[in-house]
Protein backbone atom coordinates (compact mmCIF):
# COMPACT_ATOMS: atom_id res chain seq x y z
CA UNK A 1 -29.78 57.30 10.30
CA UNK A 2 -30.91 55.27 13.32
CA UNK A 3 -31.91 52.35 11.11
CA UNK A 4 -28.46 52.26 9.52
CA UNK A 5 -26.73 52.04 12.92
CA UNK A 6 -29.19 49.41 14.16
CA UNK A 7 -28.74 47.16 11.15
CA UNK A 8 -24.93 47.35 11.29
CA UNK A 9 -25.03 46.46 15.00
CA UNK A 10 -27.30 43.50 14.24
CA UNK A 11 -24.95 42.42 11.45
CA UNK A 12 -21.99 42.53 13.87
CA UNK A 13 -23.87 40.42 16.42
CA UNK A 14 -24.70 37.85 13.74
CA UNK A 15 -21.05 37.71 12.62
CA UNK A 16 -19.81 37.19 16.20
CA UNK A 17 -22.42 34.48 16.81
CA UNK A 18 -21.40 32.72 13.57
CA UNK A 19 -17.70 32.87 14.47
CA UNK A 20 -18.36 31.43 17.95
CA UNK A 21 -20.53 28.68 16.47
CA UNK A 22 -17.84 27.70 13.94
CA UNK A 23 -15.15 27.70 16.66
CA UNK A 24 -17.27 25.39 18.83
CA UNK A 25 -17.88 23.07 15.90
CA UNK A 26 -14.17 22.87 15.04
CA UNK A 27 -13.30 22.31 18.71
CA UNK A 28 -15.81 19.50 19.14
CA UNK A 29 -14.64 17.74 15.97
CA UNK A 30 -10.98 17.90 17.04
CA UNK A 31 -11.91 16.76 20.57
CA UNK A 32 -13.86 13.73 19.33
CA UNK A 33 -11.02 12.78 16.95
CA UNK A 34 -8.54 12.94 19.84
CA UNK A 35 -10.69 10.64 21.97
CA UNK A 36 -11.14 8.25 19.05
CA UNK A 37 -7.36 8.05 18.54
CA UNK A 38 -6.66 7.59 22.24
CA UNK A 39 -9.25 4.82 22.64
CA UNK A 40 -7.98 2.97 19.56
CA UNK A 41 -4.40 3.02 20.82
CA UNK A 42 -5.53 1.77 24.23
CA UNK A 43 -7.56 -1.04 22.63
CA UNK A 44 -4.62 -2.12 20.46
CA UNK A 45 -2.18 -2.17 23.38
CA UNK A 46 -4.65 -4.24 25.43
CA UNK A 47 -5.27 -6.60 22.49
CA UNK A 48 -1.55 -7.30 22.09
CA UNK A 49 -1.12 -7.40 25.89
CA UNK A 50 1.62 -4.80 25.79
CA UNK A 51 3.38 -2.32 23.57
CA UNK A 52 4.94 -4.84 21.19
CA UNK A 53 6.18 -4.45 17.62
CA UNK A 54 2.87 -5.85 16.32
CA UNK A 55 1.02 -3.24 18.38
CA UNK A 56 3.19 -0.45 16.94
CA UNK A 57 2.49 -1.60 13.38
CA UNK A 58 -1.26 -1.85 13.99
CA UNK A 59 -1.32 1.57 15.70
CA UNK A 60 0.46 3.16 12.75
CA UNK A 61 -1.95 1.53 10.28
CA UNK A 62 -4.97 2.73 12.27
CA UNK A 63 -3.67 6.26 12.64
CA UNK A 64 -3.03 6.42 8.90
CA UNK A 65 -6.65 5.49 8.15
CA UNK A 66 -8.01 7.99 10.70
CA UNK A 67 -5.83 10.78 9.33
CA UNK A 68 -4.10 11.63 12.58
CA UNK A 69 -1.41 14.30 12.40
CA UNK A 70 2.13 13.32 11.42
CA UNK A 71 4.83 15.17 13.30
CA UNK A 72 8.47 15.76 12.38
CA UNK A 73 11.34 15.37 14.82
CA UNK A 74 9.84 17.50 17.61
CA UNK A 75 7.68 14.96 19.43
CA UNK A 76 6.52 16.04 22.84
CA UNK A 77 7.12 12.77 24.70
CA UNK A 78 8.29 13.91 28.08
CA UNK A 79 8.40 12.07 31.42
CA UNK A 80 4.99 11.60 33.05
CA UNK A 81 4.87 11.02 36.82
CA UNK A 82 8.58 10.22 36.78
CA UNK A 83 8.22 7.57 34.04
CA UNK A 84 9.94 8.26 30.74
CA UNK A 85 8.10 7.65 27.49
CA UNK A 86 8.81 4.54 25.50
CA UNK A 87 10.52 5.17 22.19
CA UNK A 88 7.74 4.51 19.72
CA UNK A 89 9.72 5.37 16.53
CA UNK A 90 6.45 6.46 15.01
CA UNK A 91 5.85 9.45 12.80
CA UNK A 92 2.61 10.13 14.70
CA UNK A 93 2.21 12.40 17.70
CA UNK A 94 1.48 10.07 20.63
CA UNK A 95 3.39 8.81 23.67
CA UNK A 96 3.23 5.50 25.54
CA UNK A 97 4.27 5.11 29.19
CA UNK A 98 4.73 1.76 30.95
CA UNK A 99 3.87 1.48 34.64
CA UNK A 100 4.55 -1.55 36.83
CA UNK A 101 2.48 -2.52 39.87
CA UNK A 102 2.41 -5.57 42.13
CA UNK A 103 -0.50 -6.99 40.09
CA UNK A 104 1.08 -6.48 36.69
CA UNK A 105 1.78 -3.66 34.29
CA UNK A 106 -0.36 -1.09 32.57
CA UNK A 107 0.27 1.57 29.96
CA UNK A 108 -0.49 5.26 29.81
CA UNK A 109 -1.28 6.83 26.46
CA UNK A 110 -1.01 10.52 25.61
CA UNK A 111 -2.34 11.84 22.31
CA UNK A 112 -2.68 15.44 21.26
CA UNK A 113 -5.75 17.32 20.09
CA UNK A 114 -4.71 19.36 17.07
CA UNK A 115 -6.40 22.44 15.70
CA UNK A 116 -5.46 23.11 12.09
CA UNK A 117 -5.77 26.87 12.16
CA UNK A 118 -3.10 28.83 10.26
CA UNK A 119 -0.44 30.55 12.41
CA UNK A 120 -2.13 30.01 15.81
CA UNK A 121 -2.92 26.31 15.27
CA UNK A 122 0.65 25.32 16.12
CA UNK A 123 0.17 26.67 19.66
CA UNK A 124 -3.26 25.07 20.15
CA UNK A 125 -2.32 21.44 20.79
CA UNK A 126 -3.75 19.94 23.96
CA UNK A 127 -2.70 16.59 25.51
CA UNK A 128 -5.28 13.90 26.16
CA UNK A 129 -4.20 11.12 28.56
CA UNK A 130 -5.67 7.68 29.18
CA UNK A 131 -4.62 4.34 30.69
CA UNK A 132 -5.09 0.70 29.83
CA UNK A 133 -6.39 -1.86 32.25
CA UNK A 134 -3.80 -3.79 34.27
CA UNK A 135 -2.25 -6.51 32.12
CA UNK A 136 -1.58 -9.38 34.50
CA UNK A 137 1.66 -11.33 34.28
CA UNK A 138 0.84 -14.66 32.57
CA UNK A 139 3.51 -16.55 34.53
CA UNK A 140 2.02 -15.46 37.87
CA UNK A 141 -1.53 -16.44 36.89
CA UNK A 142 -0.51 -19.93 35.74
CA UNK A 143 1.78 -20.58 38.71
């Protein structure tokens, strides 16, 4: 009888270890996808030197190829440090914030790390924030 209890305990330990390993794998994949999305949006905004219509179109094309999550009407764009989010009119779940300094303007980008787990996955969305470099005013540099 001792062998039966020992083997069931070992089986339970193996199952717990496997579940933890799978959870870490899913978490790391979602985390790397979130960083990839955030960095692409930042690169596109810097390339277009602002959040222009061309930047919005390129961001939407890139997010479609990556397979980033499409959200309905309940986007989470809320004010960040007193700055309200720009209306991106995008079906994707990201927010852009414009900040102005004496040197120029820069943009903050918030994307969300999504975990596609039934029932509890809706509550497991974590924000990931990043900023562009300062985009200098072209008129000031030339003058």
